[in-house]
Amino acid sequence: MNEQALIDELRKPEYQGLTDQQAADAINAKTVVARSSVDSGVLMDACMATGIWAKLEAANQPGSSDPPASLARTMMERLKQPRPLDFDNPAVQQNVADCIKHGLITQEQQQELDTMANAIVRWVDAEGIGECGIGYIINARKAIAGGA
């Protein structure tokens, strides 16, 4: 358990005056945005819905090694692979930037797709605390009172 994260969180004004149970409930209900990989099939569907897939198909000239054609082929082949895609991977970011440069994707489309990697998760899970009961709250508040 990440006790320091819980201690730091409980120091915030919104937890002052709450009972241990109320604080535990509030901590367990808190959510944050965390980045996660996106299923390639879901991403392919989004590309089809936004018109990106059609641009990739049009640019994919067989036998051409020019950047728009080779880039379109690379992106299409990657999207067909049944594994998640990490938008925060520098290689993926470079491929997307190249797609924008060659007019295969707009900046707006890239931003729309990028939001697919934003997952809403419970704060306790993101911090590695797990389900927070009143025992955790009591111990964290004792640590705060003791100068932690």
C-alpha atoms as a PDB file:
ATOM      1  CA  MET A   1       0.000   0.000   0.000  1.00  0.00           C
ATOM      2  CA  ASN A   2       1.139   3.540  -0.765  1.00  0.00           C
ATOM      3  CA  GLU A   3       0.569   4.976   2.700  1.00  0.00           C
ATOM      4  CA  GLN A   4       2.290   8.281   1.883  1.00  0.00           C
ATOM      5  CA  ALA A   5      -0.149   8.986  -0.953  1.00  0.00           C
ATOM      6  CA  LEU A   6      -3.058   8.404   1.432  1.00  0.00           C
ATOM      7  CA  ILE A   7      -1.471  10.646   4.061  1.00  0.00           C
ATOM      8  CA  ASP A   8      -0.915  13.406   1.493  1.00  0.00           C
ATOM      9  CA  GLU A   9      -4.494  13.085   0.254  1.00  0.00           C
ATOM     10  CA  LEU A  10      -5.978  13.199   3.762  1.00  0.00           C
ATOM     11  CA  ARG A  11      -4.095  16.432   4.451  1.00  0.00           C
ATOM     12  CA  LYS A  12      -6.309  18.195   1.888  1.00  0.00           C
ATOM     13  CA  PRO A  13      -9.033  20.490   3.238  1.00  0.00           C
ATOM     14  CA  GLU A  14     -11.917  18.478   1.753  1.00  0.00           C
ATOM     15  CA  TYR A  15     -11.268  15.657   4.244  1.00  0.00           C
ATOM     16  CA  GLN A  16     -11.167  17.868   7.341  1.00  0.00           C
ATOM     17  CA  GLY A  17     -14.197  17.366   9.556  1.00  0.00           C
ATOM     18  CA  LEU A  18     -15.163  14.050   7.941  1.00  0.00           C
ATOM     19  CA  THR A  19     -15.543  10.956  10.064  1.00  0.00           C
ATOM     20  CA  ASP A  20     -13.186   8.082   9.320  1.00  0.00           C
ATOM     21  CA  GLN A  21     -15.970   6.279   7.428  1.00  0.00           C
ATOM     22  CA  GLN A  22     -16.878   9.399   5.435  1.00  0.00           C
ATOM     23  CA  ALA A  23     -13.214   9.961   4.567  1.00  0.00           C
ATOM     24  CA  ALA A  24     -12.843   6.317   3.473  1.00  0.00           C
ATOM     25  CA  ASP A  25     -15.985   6.602   1.328  1.00  0.00           C
ATOM     26  CA  ALA A  26     -14.743   9.836  -0.242  1.00  0.00           C
ATOM     27  CA  ILE A  27     -11.290   8.359  -0.917  1.00  0.00           C
ATOM     28  CA  ASN A  28     -12.801   5.225  -2.501  1.00  0.00           C
ATOM     29  CA  ALA A  29     -15.132   7.325  -4.682  1.00  0.00           C
ATOM     30  CA  LYS A  30     -12.397   9.648  -5.976  1.00  0.00           C
ATOM     31  CA  THR A  31     -11.465   9.084  -9.627  1.00  0.00           C
ATOM     32  CA  VAL A  32      -8.595  10.278 -11.784  1.00  0.00           C
ATOM     33  CA  VAL A  33      -7.691  10.087 -15.445  1.00  0.00           C
ATOM     34  CA  ALA A  34      -4.975   7.564 -16.229  1.00  0.00           C
ATOM     35  CA  ARG A  35      -3.451   6.781 -19.590  1.00  0.00           C
ATOM     36  CA  SER A  36      -3.941   3.278 -20.950  1.00  0.00           C
ATOM     37  CA  SER A  37      -3.384   1.389 -24.167  1.00  0.00           C
ATOM     38  CA  VAL A  38      -6.205   1.282 -26.702  1.00  0.00           C
ATOM     39  CA  ASP A  39      -7.453  -1.913 -28.327  1.00  0.00           C
ATOM     40  CA  SER A  40      -6.458  -1.846 -31.992  1.00  0.00           C
ATOM     41  CA  GLY A  41      -9.912  -3.013 -33.119  1.00  0.00           C
ATOM     42  CA  VAL A  42     -11.613  -0.182 -31.247  1.00  0.00           C
ATOM     43  CA  LEU A  43      -9.087   2.236 -32.710  1.00  0.00           C
ATOM     44  CA  MET A  44      -9.653   0.892 -36.218  1.00  0.00           C
ATOM     45  CA  ASP A  45     -13.404   1.402 -35.798  1.00  0.00           C
ATOM     46  CA  ALA A  46     -12.761   4.990 -34.696  1.00  0.00           C
ATOM     47  CA  CYS A  47     -10.526   5.551 -37.731  1.00  0.00           C
ATOM     48  CA  MET A  48     -13.281   4.262 -39.990  1.00  0.00           C
ATOM     49  CA  ALA A  49     -15.906   6.439 -38.313  1.00  0.00           C
ATOM     50  CA  THR A  50     -13.795   9.593 -38.608  1.00  0.00           C
ATOM     51  CA  GLY A  51     -12.705   9.077 -42.220  1.00  0.00           C
ATOM     52  CA  ILE A  52      -9.069   8.371 -41.383  1.00  0.00           C
ATOM     53  CA  TRP A  53      -9.234   4.807 -42.683  1.00  0.00           C
ATOM     54  CA  ALA A  54     -10.489   6.026 -46.070  1.00  0.00           C
ATOM     55  CA  LYS A  55      -7.547   8.456 -46.305  1.00  0.00           C
ATOM     56  CA  LEU A  56      -5.130   5.652 -45.430  1.00  0.00           C
ATOM     57  CA  GLU A  57      -6.639   3.379 -48.088  1.00  0.00           C
ATOM     58  CA  ALA A  58      -6.474   6.126 -50.714  1.00  0.00           C
ATOM     59  CA  ALA A  59      -2.826   6.870 -49.911  1.00  0.00           C
ATOM     60  CA  ASN A  60      -1.829   3.198 -49.898  1.00  0.00           C
ATOM     61  CA  GLN A  61      -0.552   2.926 -53.456  1.00  0.00           C
ATOM     62  CA  PRO A  62       0.724  -0.625 -54.050  1.00  0.00           C
ATOM     63  CA  GLY A  63       4.455  -0.744 -54.722  1.00  0.00           C
ATOM     64  CA  SER A  64       5.033   2.864 -53.755  1.00  0.00           C
ATOM     65  CA  SER A  65       7.718   3.603 -51.191  1.00  0.00           C
ATOM     66  CA  ASP A  66       6.845   7.288 -50.924  1.00  0.00           C
ATOM     67  CA  PRO A  67       6.148   8.371 -47.345  1.00  0.00           C
ATOM     68  CA  PRO A  68       2.406   8.820 -47.640  1.00  0.00           C
ATOM     69  CA  ALA A  69       1.949   5.357 -49.173  1.00  0.00           C
ATOM     70  CA  SER A  70       4.439   3.541 -46.953  1.00  0.00           C
ATOM     71  CA  LEU A  71       3.155   5.335 -43.884  1.00  0.00           C
ATOM     72  CA  ALA A  72      -0.452   4.469 -44.750  1.00  0.00           C
ATOM     73  CA  ARG A  73       0.527   0.801 -45.164  1.00  0.00           C
ATOM     74  CA  THR A  74       2.373   0.805 -41.844  1.00  0.00           C
ATOM     75  CA  MET A  75      -0.558   2.351 -39.993  1.00  0.00           C
ATOM     76  CA  MET A  76      -3.112   0.033 -41.600  1.00  0.00           C
ATOM     77  CA  GLU A  77      -1.058  -3.072 -40.856  1.00  0.00           C
ATOM     78  CA  ARG A  78      -0.521  -1.982 -37.255  1.00  0.00           C
ATOM     79  CA  LEU A  79      -4.222  -1.342 -36.723  1.00  0.00           C
ATOM     80  CA  LYS A  80      -5.010  -4.821 -38.057  1.00  0.00           C
ATOM     81  CA  GLN A  81      -2.790  -6.447 -35.405  1.00  0.00           C
ATOM     82  CA  PRO A  82      -4.833  -7.730 -32.456  1.00  0.00           C
ATOM     83  CA  ARG A  83      -2.874  -6.002 -29.713  1.00  0.00           C
ATOM     84  CA  PRO A  84      -3.262  -2.743 -27.814  1.00  0.00           C
ATOM     85  CA  LEU A  85      -1.701   0.458 -29.060  1.00  0.00           C
ATOM     86  CA  ASP A  86       0.131   2.767 -26.644  1.00  0.00           C
ATOM     87  CA  PHE A  87      -0.418   6.395 -27.702  1.00  0.00           C
ATOM     88  CA  ASP A  88       2.331   7.512 -25.312  1.00  0.00           C
ATOM     89  CA  ASN A  89       4.987   5.390 -27.030  1.00  0.00           C
ATOM     90  CA  PRO A  90       7.441   7.741 -28.808  1.00  0.00           C
ATOM     91  CA  ALA A  91       7.416   5.589 -31.963  1.00  0.00           C
ATOM     92  CA  VAL A  92       3.613   5.774 -32.145  1.00  0.00           C
ATOM     93  CA  GLN A  93       3.717   9.518 -31.533  1.00  0.00           C
ATOM     94  CA  GLN A  94       6.230   9.916 -34.375  1.00  0.00           C
ATOM     95  CA  ASN A  95       4.088   7.847 -36.762  1.00  0.00           C
ATOM     96  CA  VAL A  96       1.032   9.940 -35.909  1.00  0.00           C
ATOM     97  CA  ALA A  97       3.037  13.160 -36.375  1.00  0.00           C
ATOM     98  CA  ASP A  98       4.151  11.878 -39.795  1.00  0.00           C
ATOM     99  CA  CYS A  99       0.527  11.091 -40.674  1.00  0.00           C
ATOM    100  CA  ILE A 100      -0.413  14.668 -39.802  1.00  0.00           C
ATOM    101  CA  LYS A 101       2.514  16.002 -41.846  1.00  0.00           C
ATOM    102  CA  HIS A 102       1.378  14.024 -44.903  1.00  0.00           C
ATOM    103  CA  GLY A 103      -2.297  14.913 -44.519  1.00  0.00           C
ATOM    104  CA  LEU A 104      -3.487  11.443 -43.547  1.00  0.00           C
ATOM    105  CA  ILE A 105      -4.773  12.642 -40.183  1.00  0.00           C
ATOM    106  CA  THR A 106      -5.703  16.121 -39.008  1.00  0.00           C
ATOM    107  CA  GLN A 107      -4.535  17.551 -35.699  1.00  0.00           C
ATOM    108  CA  GLU A 108      -8.159  17.505 -34.516  1.00  0.00           C
ATOM    109  CA  GLN A 109      -8.534  13.832 -35.424  1.00  0.00           C
ATOM    110  CA  GLN A 110      -5.297  13.024 -33.611  1.00  0.00           C
ATOM    111  CA  GLN A 111      -6.562  14.769 -30.480  1.00  0.00           C
ATOM    112  CA  GLU A 112      -9.860  12.903 -30.704  1.00  0.00           C
ATOM    113  CA  LEU A 113      -8.109   9.551 -31.010  1.00  0.00           C
ATOM    114  CA  ASP A 114      -5.670  10.437 -28.227  1.00  0.00           C
ATOM    115  CA  THR A 115      -8.530  10.908 -25.773  1.00  0.00           C
ATOM    116  CA  MET A 116      -9.356   7.230 -26.248  1.00  0.00           C
ATOM    117  CA  ALA A 117      -6.276   6.473 -24.124  1.00  0.00           C
ATOM    118  CA  ASN A 118      -7.735   8.389 -21.175  1.00  0.00           C
ATOM    119  CA  ALA A 119      -9.292   5.972 -18.722  1.00  0.00           C
ATOM    120  CA  ILE A 120     -11.191   6.983 -15.604  1.00  0.00           C
ATOM    121  CA  VAL A 121      -9.890   4.910 -12.694  1.00  0.00           C
ATOM    122  CA  ARG A 122     -10.353   4.988  -8.948  1.00  0.00           C
ATOM    123  CA  TRP A 123      -7.682   7.068  -7.221  1.00  0.00           C
ATOM    124  CA  VAL A 124      -6.987   4.241  -4.734  1.00  0.00           C
ATOM    125  CA  ASP A 125      -6.214   1.895  -7.625  1.00  0.00           C
ATOM    126  CA  ALA A 126      -4.020   4.417  -9.442  1.00  0.00           C
ATOM    127  CA  GLU A 127      -2.028   4.936  -6.232  1.00  0.00           C
ATOM    128  CA  GLY A 128      -1.760   1.230  -5.429  1.00  0.00           C
ATOM    129  CA  ILE A 129      -3.777   1.549  -2.220  1.00  0.00           C
ATOM    130  CA  GLY A 130      -6.699  -0.681  -3.074  1.00  0.00           C
ATOM    131  CA  GLU A 131      -9.999  -0.554  -1.220  1.00  0.00           C
ATOM    132  CA  CYS A 132      -9.590   1.927   1.635  1.00  0.00           C
ATOM    133  CA  GLY A 133     -11.292   1.057   4.898  1.00  0.00           C
ATOM    134  CA  ILE A 134     -11.467   3.053   8.098  1.00  0.00           C
ATOM    135  CA  GLY A 135      -8.390   1.269   9.447  1.00  0.00           C
ATOM    136  CA  TYR A 136      -6.278   2.858   6.709  1.00  0.00           C
ATOM    137  CA  ILE A 137      -7.823   6.241   7.471  1.00  0.00           C
ATOM    138  CA  ILE A 138      -7.207   5.902  11.211  1.00  0.00           C
ATOM    139  CA  ASN A 139      -3.569   4.899  10.676  1.00  0.00           C
ATOM    140  CA  ALA A 140      -2.963   7.686   8.151  1.00  0.00           C
ATOM    141  CA  ARG A 141      -4.530  10.288  10.450  1.00  0.00           C
ATOM    142  CA  LYS A 142      -2.378   9.040  13.360  1.00  0.00           C
ATOM    143  CA  ALA A 143       0.686   9.453  11.123  1.00  0.00           C
ATOM    144  CA  ILE A 144      -0.424  12.993  10.229  1.00  0.00           C
ATOM    145  CA  ALA A 145      -0.954  13.827  13.923  1.00  0.00           C
ATOM    146  CA  GLY A 146       2.499  12.415  14.663  1.00  0.00           C
ATOM    147  CA  GLY A 147       4.130  14.692  12.108  1.00  0.00           C
ATOM    148  CA  ALA A 148       4.376  12.392   9.075  1.00  0.00           C
END
